[in-house]
Amino acid sequence: MTTRNALEFKGLKKNFERAEIIRGVDLNIHEHERHVIIGPNGVGKSTLFNPVSGRIKLFGADIHHHLPRLTGWA
């Protein structure tokens, strides 16, 4: 059985001025796989889905520009 990529992160980067928060994340999650992103508050888990460069694909379709932009906490 061949599995395809359900979610693909390619070269994701995010910085706030000179501080590099995310440095070129590449990740492929195949169909029927489950993964979690864990870590303490403030390490960039949510920021992973709000990159300034790179690509996010869902079943091969580029969704990077369709993601809601996270602008901070209320």
N, C-alpha and C. Protein backbone atom coordinates (compact mmCIF):
# COMPACT_ATOMS: atom_id res chain seq x y z
N MET A 1 0.84 -1.18 0.00
CA MET A 1 0.00 0.00 0.00
C MET A 1 0.88 1.24 0.00
N THR A 2 0.68 2.11 -0.95
CA THR A 2 1.43 3.35 -1.04
C THR A 2 0.66 4.46 -0.33
N THR A 3 1.39 5.21 0.49
CA THR A 3 0.74 6.34 1.17
C THR A 3 1.23 7.63 0.55
N ARG A 4 0.38 8.62 0.56
CA ARG A 4 0.75 9.92 0.04
C ARG A 4 0.88 10.90 1.20
N ASN A 5 1.51 12.01 0.92
CA ASN A 5 1.65 13.05 1.95
C ASN A 5 0.29 13.70 2.18
N ALA A 6 -0.15 13.68 3.42
CA ALA A 6 -1.37 14.39 3.78
C ALA A 6 -1.04 15.85 4.07
N LEU A 7 0.05 16.07 4.79
CA LEU A 7 0.47 17.42 5.15
C LEU A 7 1.97 17.52 4.93
N GLU A 8 2.40 18.57 4.26
CA GLU A 8 3.82 18.75 3.95
C GLU A 8 4.24 20.17 4.30
N PHE A 9 5.29 20.28 5.10
CA PHE A 9 5.93 21.55 5.39
C PHE A 9 7.27 21.54 4.66
N LYS A 10 7.55 22.57 3.91
CA LYS A 10 8.80 22.62 3.14
C LYS A 10 9.46 23.98 3.33
N GLY A 11 10.60 23.98 4.01
CA GLY A 11 11.41 25.19 4.16
C GLY A 11 10.74 26.30 4.94
N LEU A 12 9.93 25.97 5.94
CA LEU A 12 9.24 27.01 6.70
C LEU A 12 10.22 27.83 7.52
N LYS A 13 10.04 29.14 7.45
CA LYS A 13 10.88 30.06 8.21
C LYS A 13 10.01 31.17 8.78
N LYS A 14 10.39 31.64 9.95
CA LYS A 14 9.70 32.76 10.59
C LYS A 14 10.71 33.50 11.44
N ASN A 15 10.68 34.81 11.34
CA ASN A 15 11.55 35.62 12.19
C ASN A 15 10.79 36.84 12.67
N PHE A 16 11.20 37.34 13.80
CA PHE A 16 10.71 38.60 14.33
C PHE A 16 11.92 39.50 14.42
N GLU A 17 12.01 40.42 13.45
CA GLU A 17 13.19 41.25 13.27
C GLU A 17 14.41 40.35 13.12
N ARG A 18 15.39 40.43 14.01
CA ARG A 18 16.62 39.64 13.84
C ARG A 18 16.54 38.25 14.48
N ALA A 19 15.51 38.01 15.26
CA ALA A 19 15.37 36.73 15.97
C ALA A 19 14.73 35.69 15.05
N GLU A 20 15.50 34.64 14.70
CA GLU A 20 14.97 33.54 13.91
C GLU A 20 14.20 32.61 14.84
N ILE A 21 12.90 32.48 14.59
CA ILE A 21 12.05 31.65 15.43
C ILE A 21 11.94 30.25 14.85
N ILE A 22 11.75 30.16 13.55
CA ILE A 22 11.68 28.87 12.86
C ILE A 22 12.70 28.92 11.72
N ARG A 23 13.54 27.91 11.64
CA ARG A 23 14.67 27.93 10.69
C ARG A 23 14.61 26.79 9.69
N GLY A 24 13.75 26.87 8.71
CA GLY A 24 13.75 25.89 7.63
C GLY A 24 13.19 24.54 8.01
N VAL A 25 11.97 24.49 8.51
CA VAL A 25 11.35 23.22 8.91
C VAL A 25 10.86 22.47 7.69
N ASP A 26 11.23 21.20 7.59
CA ASP A 26 10.72 20.28 6.57
C ASP A 26 10.07 19.12 7.31
N LEU A 27 8.83 18.80 6.94
CA LEU A 27 8.12 17.70 7.59
C LEU A 27 7.07 17.16 6.65
N ASN A 28 7.03 15.84 6.50
CA ASN A 28 5.99 15.17 5.73
C ASN A 28 5.21 14.26 6.65
N ILE A 29 3.91 14.44 6.67
CA ILE A 29 3.03 13.57 7.44
C ILE A 29 2.18 12.81 6.42
N HIS A 30 2.32 11.51 6.43
CA HIS A 30 1.64 10.68 5.44
C HIS A 30 0.20 10.42 5.86
N GLU A 31 -0.59 10.07 4.89
CA GLU A 31 -1.98 9.69 5.13
C GLU A 31 -2.04 8.62 6.22
N HIS A 32 -2.99 8.74 7.11
CA HIS A 32 -3.24 7.78 8.20
C HIS A 32 -2.19 7.81 9.31
N GLU A 33 -1.23 8.71 9.25
CA GLU A 33 -0.28 8.89 10.35
C GLU A 33 -0.79 9.98 11.27
N ARG A 34 -0.35 9.90 12.52
CA ARG A 34 -0.68 10.94 13.49
C ARG A 34 0.61 11.42 14.13
N HIS A 35 0.72 12.73 14.25
CA HIS A 35 1.87 13.36 14.86
C HIS A 35 1.40 14.43 15.82
N VAL A 36 2.22 14.77 16.79
CA VAL A 36 1.90 15.88 17.68
C VAL A 36 3.10 16.80 17.74
N ILE A 37 2.83 18.06 17.97
CA ILE A 37 3.88 19.05 18.17
C ILE A 37 3.75 19.50 19.62
N ILE A 38 4.76 19.20 20.41
CA ILE A 38 4.68 19.51 21.83
C ILE A 38 5.82 20.42 22.25
N GLY A 39 5.64 21.10 23.32
CA GLY A 39 6.67 21.97 23.87
C GLY A 39 6.04 22.97 24.81
N PRO A 40 6.87 23.63 25.60
CA PRO A 40 6.34 24.62 26.54
C PRO A 40 5.78 25.83 25.81
N ASN A 41 5.02 26.61 26.54
CA ASN A 41 4.46 27.85 25.98
C ASN A 41 5.58 28.75 25.46
N GLY A 42 5.31 29.34 24.29
CA GLY A 42 6.25 30.33 23.76
C GLY A 42 7.37 29.79 22.90
N VAL A 43 7.36 28.51 22.54
CA VAL A 43 8.46 27.98 21.74
C VAL A 43 8.18 27.96 20.24
N GLY A 44 6.97 28.35 19.81
CA GLY A 44 6.71 28.47 18.38
C GLY A 44 5.79 27.43 17.78
N LYS A 45 5.04 26.71 18.58
CA LYS A 45 4.15 25.69 18.03
C LYS A 45 3.11 26.30 17.09
N SER A 46 2.42 27.34 17.53
CA SER A 46 1.42 28.01 16.69
C SER A 46 2.09 28.76 15.55
N THR A 47 3.25 29.30 15.80
CA THR A 47 3.99 30.06 14.79
C THR A 47 4.37 29.19 13.60
N LEU A 48 4.48 27.90 13.82
CA LEU A 48 4.79 26.96 12.73
C LEU A 48 3.76 27.07 11.60
N PHE A 49 2.53 27.40 11.94
CA PHE A 49 1.47 27.50 10.93
C PHE A 49 1.29 28.93 10.43
N ASN A 50 2.22 29.80 10.74
CA ASN A 50 2.17 31.19 10.31
C ASN A 50 3.55 31.64 9.82
N PRO A 51 4.14 30.89 8.87
CA PRO A 51 5.50 31.22 8.44
C PRO A 51 5.54 32.44 7.51
N VAL A 52 6.73 33.03 7.39
CA VAL A 52 6.90 34.13 6.43
C VAL A 52 7.40 33.60 5.09
N SER A 53 8.00 32.40 5.10
CA SER A 53 8.42 31.80 3.84
C SER A 53 8.35 30.28 3.97
N GLY A 54 8.36 29.63 2.83
CA GLY A 54 8.22 28.19 2.78
C GLY A 54 6.85 27.83 2.23
N ARG A 55 6.55 26.55 2.21
CA ARG A 55 5.29 26.05 1.66
C ARG A 55 4.63 25.09 2.64
N ILE A 56 3.30 25.18 2.70
CA ILE A 56 2.49 24.21 3.43
C ILE A 56 1.51 23.62 2.42
N LYS A 57 1.53 22.30 2.28
CA LYS A 57 0.63 21.63 1.34
C LYS A 57 -0.25 20.63 2.08
N LEU A 58 -1.51 20.57 1.65
CA LEU A 58 -2.47 19.62 2.18
C LEU A 58 -2.89 18.74 1.01
N PHE A 59 -2.52 17.47 1.06
CA PHE A 59 -2.76 16.53 -0.04
C PHE A 59 -2.31 17.10 -1.38
N GLY A 60 -1.14 17.74 -1.38
CA GLY A 60 -0.53 18.25 -2.60
C GLY A 60 -0.95 19.65 -3.01
N ALA A 61 -2.00 20.18 -2.41
CA ALA A 61 -2.47 21.53 -2.76
C ALA A 61 -1.81 22.55 -1.84
N ASP A 62 -1.25 23.60 -2.42
CA ASP A 62 -0.58 24.64 -1.64
C ASP A 62 -1.63 25.43 -0.87
N ILE A 63 -1.56 25.38 0.46
CA ILE A 63 -2.53 26.09 1.29
C ILE A 63 -1.87 27.21 2.09
N HIS A 64 -0.60 27.46 1.85
CA HIS A 64 0.14 28.46 2.62
C HIS A 64 -0.58 29.80 2.66
N HIS A 65 -1.11 30.25 1.53
CA HIS A 65 -1.74 31.57 1.48
C HIS A 65 -3.21 31.53 1.87
N HIS A 66 -3.73 30.35 2.19
CA HIS A 66 -5.12 30.22 2.60
C HIS A 66 -5.28 30.06 4.10
N LEU A 67 -4.17 30.00 4.82
CA LEU A 67 -4.23 29.81 6.25
C LEU A 67 -4.61 31.10 6.95
N PRO A 68 -5.38 31.00 8.03
CA PRO A 68 -5.66 32.22 8.80
C PRO A 68 -4.38 32.73 9.42
N ARG A 69 -4.21 34.02 9.46
CA ARG A 69 -3.01 34.62 10.03
C ARG A 69 -3.19 34.80 11.53
N LEU A 70 -2.25 34.28 12.29
CA LEU A 70 -2.29 34.42 13.73
C LEU A 70 -1.65 35.75 14.09
N THR A 71 -2.40 36.63 14.71
CA THR A 71 -1.91 37.99 14.93
C THR A 71 -1.60 38.28 16.39
N GLY A 72 -1.75 37.32 17.25
CA GLY A 72 -1.44 37.57 18.66
C GLY A 72 -2.62 37.20 19.54
N TRP A 73 -2.46 37.43 20.79
CA TRP A 73 -3.47 37.03 21.76
C TRP A 73 -4.38 38.19 22.09
N ALA A 74 -5.64 37.90 22.33
CA ALA A 74 -6.64 38.93 22.69
C ALA A 74 -6.46 39.34 24.14
